[in-house]
Amino acid sequence: MTKETREALVLVPPAGRAFPCPAPAVLLFEDEQPVRERVYFETATILTQLGLASSLPFPA
């Protein structure tokens, strides 16, 4: 997944830069049709790539 920060990420203002982030997607199927998707990612990885990890309230 590649994303550009245009909205705030939990107390961190948008940086306006793109970043790559590994993000697995888990799909739930009913009758062979997808009915739900969940995407998981690690916020600390994103903040580190954007150079904002120092603003974390805990060590990254």
Protein backbone atom coordinates (compact mmCIF):
# COMPACT_ATOMS: atom_id res chain seq x y z
CA MET A 1 0.00 0.00 0.00
CA THR A 2 1.24 3.49 -0.77
CA LYS A 3 -0.53 6.39 0.86
CA GLU A 4 -0.15 10.15 1.01
CA THR A 5 -0.87 11.81 4.34
CA ARG A 6 -3.72 14.21 3.78
CA GLU A 7 -5.51 13.72 7.07
CA ALA A 8 -4.22 13.70 10.64
CA LEU A 9 -2.94 10.45 12.14
CA VAL A 10 -3.89 10.45 15.84
CA LEU A 11 -2.51 13.78 17.10
CA VAL A 12 -0.01 14.08 14.21
CA PRO A 13 -0.76 16.68 11.53
CA PRO A 14 -0.68 15.62 7.86
CA ALA A 15 2.84 15.63 6.38
CA GLY A 16 1.74 15.73 2.73
CA ARG A 17 4.33 13.08 1.78
CA ALA A 18 3.82 9.61 0.32
CA PHE A 19 5.04 6.51 2.14
CA PRO A 20 5.01 2.76 1.48
CA CYS A 21 3.49 0.55 4.14
CA PRO A 22 3.10 -3.23 4.22
CA ALA A 23 -0.57 -3.88 4.91
CA PRO A 24 -2.21 -7.30 4.83
CA ALA A 25 -5.91 -7.38 4.00
CA VAL A 26 -8.18 -10.04 5.50
CA LEU A 27 -11.45 -10.72 3.68
CA LEU A 28 -14.53 -12.40 5.15
CA PHE A 29 -16.62 -14.33 2.64
CA GLU A 30 -20.22 -15.49 2.84
CA ASP A 31 -21.58 -17.63 0.00
CA GLU A 32 -18.38 -16.99 -1.97
CA GLN A 33 -18.92 -13.22 -1.87
CA PRO A 34 -16.68 -10.83 0.09
CA VAL A 35 -18.72 -9.16 2.83
CA ARG A 36 -16.02 -7.56 4.99
CA GLU A 37 -12.43 -6.42 4.61
CA ARG A 38 -10.00 -5.55 7.38
CA VAL A 39 -6.65 -3.93 6.64
CA TYR A 40 -3.91 -4.05 9.26
CA PHE A 41 -0.88 -1.76 9.43
CA GLU A 42 1.61 -0.57 12.02
CA THR A 43 1.39 3.13 12.83
CA ALA A 44 4.96 3.31 14.19
CA THR A 45 6.33 2.18 10.80
CA ILE A 46 4.38 4.90 9.02
CA LEU A 47 5.49 7.62 11.45
CA THR A 48 9.13 6.49 11.18
CA GLN A 49 9.03 6.66 7.37
CA LEU A 50 7.52 10.15 7.55
CA GLY A 51 10.22 11.28 9.98
CA LEU A 52 7.65 11.82 12.73
CA ALA A 53 8.56 8.95 15.06
CA SER A 54 10.17 11.38 17.51
CA SER A 55 6.69 12.77 18.21
CA LEU A 56 5.54 9.40 19.58
CA PRO A 57 4.83 9.29 23.32
CA PHE A 58 6.87 6.04 23.49
CA PRO A 59 10.10 4.79 21.83
CA ALA A 60 9.62 3.52 18.25
